[in-house]
Amino acid sequence: MSEDIGQDANIFPDGIPLFVYTFLEHDADGVLQHETTLQIEGEEDIIVTKGFYEIIDEVKDEHIDSQDYNSLYELAADLTKEAERLREEAERIENSTRSVADLFNANDRTT
């Protein structure tokens, strides 16, 4: 997990702080969405949502145009690695939840 070091950038030379937050989540239709929230001091948040498939399509188009298949392989490998990190965390949570449930179920059987 990364440490919060304050603002992500400044807007204009006077240095209006800008904070950027990104999320991946599924919408109501089950489509993976990339959501970016921009927080600018004194302004309402700006939220930009884009389907993850759109991002992948743009990346593919850019690399197809330049025939850069090596970069596509590298990106795919990185996405696979990050997917595995998510699976490992989900498994850790699931196993922990099951262990606690088993502990309570074990106590119920002895009474």
N, C-alpha and C. Protein backbone atom coordinates (compact mmCIF):
# COMPACT_ATOMS: atom_id res chain seq x y z
N MET A 1 0.85 -1.16 0.00
CA MET A 1 0.00 0.00 0.00
C MET A 1 0.90 1.23 0.00
N SER A 2 0.55 2.23 -0.79
CA SER A 2 1.37 3.43 -0.87
C SER A 2 0.96 4.44 0.19
N GLU A 3 1.92 5.24 0.58
CA GLU A 3 1.70 6.26 1.59
C GLU A 3 1.12 7.51 0.94
N ASP A 4 0.16 8.16 1.61
CA ASP A 4 -0.42 9.40 1.12
C ASP A 4 0.57 10.52 1.37
N ILE A 5 1.04 11.15 0.30
CA ILE A 5 2.01 12.22 0.46
C ILE A 5 1.40 13.57 0.13
N GLY A 6 0.07 13.68 0.19
CA GLY A 6 -0.59 14.95 -0.08
C GLY A 6 -1.10 15.02 -1.49
N GLN A 7 -1.14 16.23 -1.99
CA GLN A 7 -1.72 16.45 -3.31
C GLN A 7 -0.94 15.74 -4.39
N ASP A 8 -1.65 15.43 -5.47
CA ASP A 8 -1.03 14.73 -6.59
C ASP A 8 -0.38 15.68 -7.59
N ALA A 9 -0.91 16.90 -7.65
CA ALA A 9 -0.38 17.89 -8.60
C ALA A 9 -0.87 19.27 -8.20
N ASN A 10 -0.36 20.26 -8.89
CA ASN A 10 -0.84 21.63 -8.74
C ASN A 10 -1.37 22.10 -10.08
N ILE A 11 -2.44 22.89 -10.03
CA ILE A 11 -2.99 23.49 -11.24
C ILE A 11 -2.59 24.96 -11.24
N PHE A 12 -2.09 25.42 -12.34
CA PHE A 12 -1.68 26.82 -12.52
C PHE A 12 -0.42 27.12 -11.72
N PRO A 13 0.27 28.16 -12.09
CA PRO A 13 1.52 28.52 -11.41
C PRO A 13 1.34 28.85 -9.93
N ASP A 14 0.16 29.33 -9.55
CA ASP A 14 -0.08 29.66 -8.14
C ASP A 14 -0.20 28.42 -7.26
N GLY A 15 -0.37 27.26 -7.87
CA GLY A 15 -0.35 26.01 -7.14
C GLY A 15 -1.63 25.61 -6.46
N ILE A 16 -2.75 25.64 -7.17
CA ILE A 16 -4.00 25.14 -6.62
C ILE A 16 -3.87 23.62 -6.52
N PRO A 17 -4.02 23.06 -5.32
CA PRO A 17 -3.83 21.62 -5.15
C PRO A 17 -4.87 20.79 -5.91
N LEU A 18 -4.41 19.70 -6.50
CA LEU A 18 -5.26 18.75 -7.20
C LEU A 18 -5.01 17.37 -6.61
N PHE A 19 -6.09 16.70 -6.25
CA PHE A 19 -6.01 15.33 -5.76
C PHE A 19 -6.71 14.43 -6.76
N VAL A 20 -6.10 13.29 -7.07
CA VAL A 20 -6.65 12.34 -8.04
C VAL A 20 -6.85 11.01 -7.33
N TYR A 21 -8.08 10.49 -7.41
CA TYR A 21 -8.40 9.18 -6.82
C TYR A 21 -8.92 8.29 -7.94
N THR A 22 -8.43 7.06 -7.99
CA THR A 22 -8.88 6.13 -9.03
C THR A 22 -9.43 4.87 -8.39
N PHE A 23 -10.46 4.32 -9.02
CA PHE A 23 -11.11 3.12 -8.54
C PHE A 23 -11.45 2.23 -9.72
N LEU A 24 -11.46 0.94 -9.46
CA LEU A 24 -11.99 -0.04 -10.41
C LEU A 24 -13.17 -0.71 -9.72
N GLU A 25 -14.31 -0.70 -10.37
CA GLU A 25 -15.47 -1.40 -9.83
C GLU A 25 -16.44 -1.71 -10.96
N HIS A 26 -17.33 -2.63 -10.67
CA HIS A 26 -18.32 -3.02 -11.66
C HIS A 26 -19.55 -2.13 -11.55
N ASP A 27 -20.13 -1.79 -12.71
CA ASP A 27 -21.37 -1.03 -12.69
C ASP A 27 -22.54 -1.99 -12.52
N ALA A 28 -23.75 -1.47 -12.57
CA ALA A 28 -24.95 -2.28 -12.34
C ALA A 28 -25.10 -3.39 -13.38
N ASP A 29 -24.49 -3.20 -14.54
CA ASP A 29 -24.57 -4.21 -15.61
C ASP A 29 -23.42 -5.20 -15.56
N GLY A 30 -22.53 -5.07 -14.56
CA GLY A 30 -21.41 -5.98 -14.43
C GLY A 30 -20.21 -5.62 -15.28
N VAL A 31 -20.21 -4.41 -15.86
CA VAL A 31 -19.09 -3.97 -16.70
C VAL A 31 -18.04 -3.31 -15.81
N LEU A 32 -16.80 -3.75 -15.93
CA LEU A 32 -15.71 -3.18 -15.15
C LEU A 32 -15.49 -1.74 -15.59
N GLN A 33 -15.52 -0.83 -14.62
CA GLN A 33 -15.37 0.59 -14.89
C GLN A 33 -14.14 1.14 -14.18
N HIS A 34 -13.46 2.05 -14.84
CA HIS A 34 -12.36 2.80 -14.22
C HIS A 34 -12.92 4.18 -13.91
N GLU A 35 -12.91 4.52 -12.63
CA GLU A 35 -13.46 5.81 -12.20
C GLU A 35 -12.33 6.67 -11.66
N THR A 36 -12.24 7.88 -12.15
CA THR A 36 -11.25 8.84 -11.68
C THR A 36 -12.00 10.03 -11.08
N THR A 37 -11.64 10.36 -9.86
CA THR A 37 -12.22 11.53 -9.20
C THR A 37 -11.12 12.57 -9.04
N LEU A 38 -11.40 13.78 -9.53
CA LEU A 38 -10.48 14.90 -9.39
C LEU A 38 -11.04 15.84 -8.34
N GLN A 39 -10.25 16.12 -7.32
CA GLN A 39 -10.65 17.07 -6.28
C GLN A 39 -9.76 18.29 -6.39
N ILE A 40 -10.41 19.42 -6.63
CA ILE A 40 -9.71 20.69 -6.75
C ILE A 40 -10.21 21.58 -5.62
N GLU A 41 -9.28 22.14 -4.89
CA GLU A 41 -9.63 22.95 -3.74
C GLU A 41 -10.68 24.02 -4.11
N GLY A 42 -11.78 24.02 -3.35
CA GLY A 42 -12.82 25.01 -3.56
C GLY A 42 -13.79 24.71 -4.67
N GLU A 43 -13.67 23.57 -5.31
CA GLU A 43 -14.55 23.20 -6.42
C GLU A 43 -15.23 21.86 -6.14
N GLU A 44 -16.34 21.62 -6.85
CA GLU A 44 -16.99 20.31 -6.75
C GLU A 44 -16.09 19.25 -7.39
N ASP A 45 -16.17 18.03 -6.86
CA ASP A 45 -15.41 16.93 -7.44
C ASP A 45 -15.83 16.70 -8.88
N ILE A 46 -14.86 16.35 -9.69
CA ILE A 46 -15.11 15.96 -11.08
C ILE A 46 -14.88 14.46 -11.15
N ILE A 47 -15.89 13.72 -11.61
CA ILE A 47 -15.79 12.27 -11.71
C ILE A 47 -15.85 11.86 -13.17
N VAL A 48 -14.85 11.12 -13.60
CA VAL A 48 -14.78 10.61 -14.97
C VAL A 48 -14.81 9.09 -14.88
N THR A 49 -15.78 8.49 -15.57
CA THR A 49 -15.90 7.03 -15.57
C THR A 49 -15.74 6.52 -17.00
N LYS A 50 -14.93 5.48 -17.12
CA LYS A 50 -14.68 4.90 -18.44
C LYS A 50 -14.65 3.39 -18.31
N GLY A 51 -15.31 2.71 -19.22
CA GLY A 51 -15.28 1.25 -19.23
C GLY A 51 -13.85 0.76 -19.40
N PHE A 52 -13.46 -0.23 -18.60
CA PHE A 52 -12.11 -0.75 -18.70
C PHE A 52 -11.84 -1.31 -20.09
N TYR A 53 -12.87 -1.88 -20.70
CA TYR A 53 -12.71 -2.41 -22.06
C TYR A 53 -12.35 -1.29 -23.03
N GLU A 54 -12.85 -0.06 -22.78
CA GLU A 54 -12.51 1.08 -23.64
C GLU A 54 -11.03 1.42 -23.52
N ILE A 55 -10.51 1.36 -22.31
CA ILE A 55 -9.10 1.63 -22.09
C ILE A 55 -8.25 0.59 -22.81
N ILE A 56 -8.65 -0.67 -22.68
CA ILE A 56 -7.91 -1.75 -23.35
C ILE A 56 -7.98 -1.58 -24.87
N ASP A 57 -9.16 -1.22 -25.39
CA ASP A 57 -9.29 -0.99 -26.84
C ASP A 57 -8.36 0.13 -27.32
N GLU A 58 -8.28 1.21 -26.55
CA GLU A 58 -7.40 2.32 -26.92
C GLU A 58 -5.93 1.88 -26.91
N VAL A 59 -5.56 1.12 -25.90
CA VAL A 59 -4.18 0.62 -25.82
C VAL A 59 -3.89 -0.29 -27.01
N LYS A 60 -4.82 -1.20 -27.29
CA LYS A 60 -4.64 -2.10 -28.45
C LYS A 60 -4.48 -1.31 -29.73
N ASP A 61 -5.37 -0.34 -29.96
CA ASP A 61 -5.31 0.44 -31.20
C ASP A 61 -3.98 1.17 -31.34
N GLU A 62 -3.51 1.75 -30.24
CA GLU A 62 -2.24 2.48 -30.28
C GLU A 62 -1.09 1.56 -30.64
N HIS A 63 -1.07 0.37 -30.05
CA HIS A 63 0.04 -0.55 -30.30
C HIS A 63 -0.11 -1.31 -31.62
N ILE A 64 -1.33 -1.51 -32.06
CA ILE A 64 -1.54 -2.15 -33.37
C ILE A 64 -1.03 -1.23 -34.47
N ASP A 65 -1.33 0.07 -34.33
CA ASP A 65 -0.88 1.03 -35.34
C ASP A 65 0.64 1.02 -35.48
N SER A 66 1.34 0.86 -34.36
CA SER A 66 2.80 0.87 -34.42
C SER A 66 3.40 -0.53 -34.50
N GLN A 67 2.54 -1.55 -34.58
CA GLN A 67 2.99 -2.94 -34.65
C GLN A 67 3.87 -3.31 -33.46
N ASP A 68 3.56 -2.74 -32.30
CA ASP A 68 4.36 -2.95 -31.09
C ASP A 68 3.77 -4.09 -30.26
N TYR A 69 3.95 -5.31 -30.74
CA TYR A 69 3.37 -6.46 -30.04
C TYR A 69 4.08 -6.76 -28.72
N ASN A 70 5.37 -6.42 -28.60
CA ASN A 70 6.09 -6.67 -27.36
C ASN A 70 5.47 -5.92 -26.18
N SER A 71 5.09 -4.68 -26.41
CA SER A 71 4.45 -3.90 -25.35
C SER A 71 3.11 -4.49 -24.95
N LEU A 72 2.38 -5.02 -25.92
CA LEU A 72 1.11 -5.67 -25.60
C LEU A 72 1.33 -6.89 -24.72
N TYR A 73 2.35 -7.69 -25.03
CA TYR A 73 2.68 -8.85 -24.19
C TYR A 73 3.06 -8.39 -22.77
N GLU A 74 3.86 -7.33 -22.70
CA GLU A 74 4.29 -6.82 -21.38
C GLU A 74 3.09 -6.33 -20.58
N LEU A 75 2.19 -5.59 -21.21
CA LEU A 75 0.99 -5.11 -20.53
C LEU A 75 0.12 -6.28 -20.06
N ALA A 76 -0.04 -7.26 -20.93
CA ALA A 76 -0.84 -8.43 -20.57
C ALA A 76 -0.23 -9.16 -19.38
N ALA A 77 1.09 -9.28 -19.35
CA ALA A 77 1.77 -9.94 -18.23
C ALA A 77 1.55 -9.15 -16.94
N ASP A 78 1.65 -7.84 -17.01
CA ASP A 78 1.42 -7.00 -15.83
C ASP A 78 -0.02 -7.11 -15.33
N LEU A 79 -0.97 -7.12 -16.24
CA LEU A 79 -2.37 -7.26 -15.85
C LEU A 79 -2.63 -8.62 -15.21
N THR A 80 -2.00 -9.65 -15.74
CA THR A 80 -2.11 -10.99 -15.16
C THR A 80 -1.53 -11.01 -13.75
N LYS A 81 -0.38 -10.38 -13.57
CA LYS A 81 0.27 -10.33 -12.26
C LYS A 81 -0.62 -9.60 -11.25
N GLU A 82 -1.22 -8.49 -11.67
CA GLU A 82 -2.09 -7.73 -10.77
C GLU A 82 -3.38 -8.50 -10.47
N ALA A 83 -3.88 -9.24 -11.45
CA ALA A 83 -5.07 -10.07 -11.22
C ALA A 83 -4.76 -11.14 -10.18
N GLU A 84 -3.57 -11.69 -10.23
CA GLU A 84 -3.18 -12.70 -9.24
C GLU A 84 -3.09 -12.10 -7.84
N ARG A 85 -2.61 -10.87 -7.74
CA ARG A 85 -2.57 -10.19 -6.43
C ARG A 85 -3.98 -10.04 -5.86
N LEU A 86 -4.93 -9.68 -6.71
CA LEU A 86 -6.32 -9.56 -6.26
C LEU A 86 -6.87 -10.90 -5.81
N ARG A 87 -6.59 -11.95 -6.58
CA ARG A 87 -7.06 -13.29 -6.22
C ARG A 87 -6.48 -13.73 -4.87
N GLU A 88 -5.18 -13.48 -4.67
CA GLU A 88 -4.53 -13.85 -3.41
C GLU A 88 -5.17 -13.14 -2.23
N GLU A 89 -5.47 -11.87 -2.38
CA GLU A 89 -6.10 -11.12 -1.29
C GLU A 89 -7.52 -11.62 -1.03
N ALA A 90 -8.26 -11.89 -2.10
CA ALA A 90 -9.61 -12.43 -1.94
C ALA A 90 -9.57 -13.78 -1.22
N GLU A 91 -8.61 -14.62 -1.59
CA GLU A 91 -8.46 -15.93 -0.95
C GLU A 91 -8.10 -15.77 0.53
N ARG A 92 -7.20 -14.83 0.84
CA ARG A 92 -6.82 -14.60 2.22
C ARG A 92 -8.04 -14.17 3.05
N ILE A 93 -8.84 -13.26 2.51
CA ILE A 93 -10.04 -12.80 3.22
C ILE A 93 -11.03 -13.95 3.38
N GLU A 94 -11.24 -14.70 2.30
CA GLU A 94 -12.18 -15.83 2.35
C GLU A 94 -11.74 -16.85 3.39
N ASN A 95 -10.45 -17.20 3.39
CA ASN A 95 -9.95 -18.18 4.35
C ASN A 95 -10.07 -17.68 5.78
N SER A 96 -9.80 -16.40 5.99
CA SER A 96 -9.92 -15.81 7.31
C SER A 96 -11.37 -15.84 7.79
N THR A 97 -12.28 -15.49 6.90
CA THR A 97 -13.70 -15.50 7.22
C THR A 97 -14.16 -16.91 7.55
N ARG A 98 -13.71 -17.87 6.76
CA ARG A 98 -14.08 -19.26 7.02
C ARG A 98 -13.51 -19.75 8.33
N SER A 99 -12.27 -19.35 8.64
CA SER A 99 -11.63 -19.77 9.89
C SER A 99 -12.42 -19.25 11.09
N VAL A 100 -12.84 -18.01 11.03
CA VAL A 100 -13.62 -17.43 12.12
C VAL A 100 -14.97 -18.14 12.22
N ALA A 101 -15.60 -18.37 11.07
CA ALA A 101 -16.89 -19.08 11.07
C ALA A 101 -16.73 -20.48 11.64
N ASP A 102 -15.65 -21.18 11.25
CA ASP A 102 -15.40 -22.52 11.77
C ASP A 102 -15.17 -22.49 13.27
N LEU A 103 -14.48 -21.48 13.75
CA LEU A 103 -14.23 -21.34 15.17
C LEU A 103 -15.55 -21.21 15.93
N PHE A 104 -16.44 -20.36 15.43
CA PHE A 104 -17.72 -20.19 16.10
C PHE A 104 -18.59 -21.43 15.97
N ASN A 105 -18.53 -22.09 14.81
CA ASN A 105 -19.30 -23.32 14.64
C ASN A 105 -18.78 -24.41 15.55
N ALA A 106 -17.47 -24.46 15.75
CA ALA A 106 -16.88 -25.46 16.65
C ALA A 106 -17.36 -25.23 18.07
N ASN A 107 -17.44 -23.98 18.49
CA ASN A 107 -17.92 -23.67 19.83
C ASN A 107 -19.39 -24.04 19.99
N ASP A 108 -20.17 -23.89 18.95
CA ASP A 108 -21.60 -24.25 19.01
C ASP A 108 -21.79 -25.74 19.20
N ARG A 109 -20.92 -26.54 18.62
CA ARG A 109 -21.05 -28.00 18.70
C ARG A 109 -20.75 -28.53 20.09
N THR A 110 -19.96 -27.79 20.85
CA THR A 110 -19.58 -28.29 22.18
C THR A 110 -20.61 -27.97 23.25
N THR A 111 -21.57 -27.12 22.94
CA THR A 111 -22.57 -26.76 23.96
C THR A 111 -23.80 -27.60 23.84
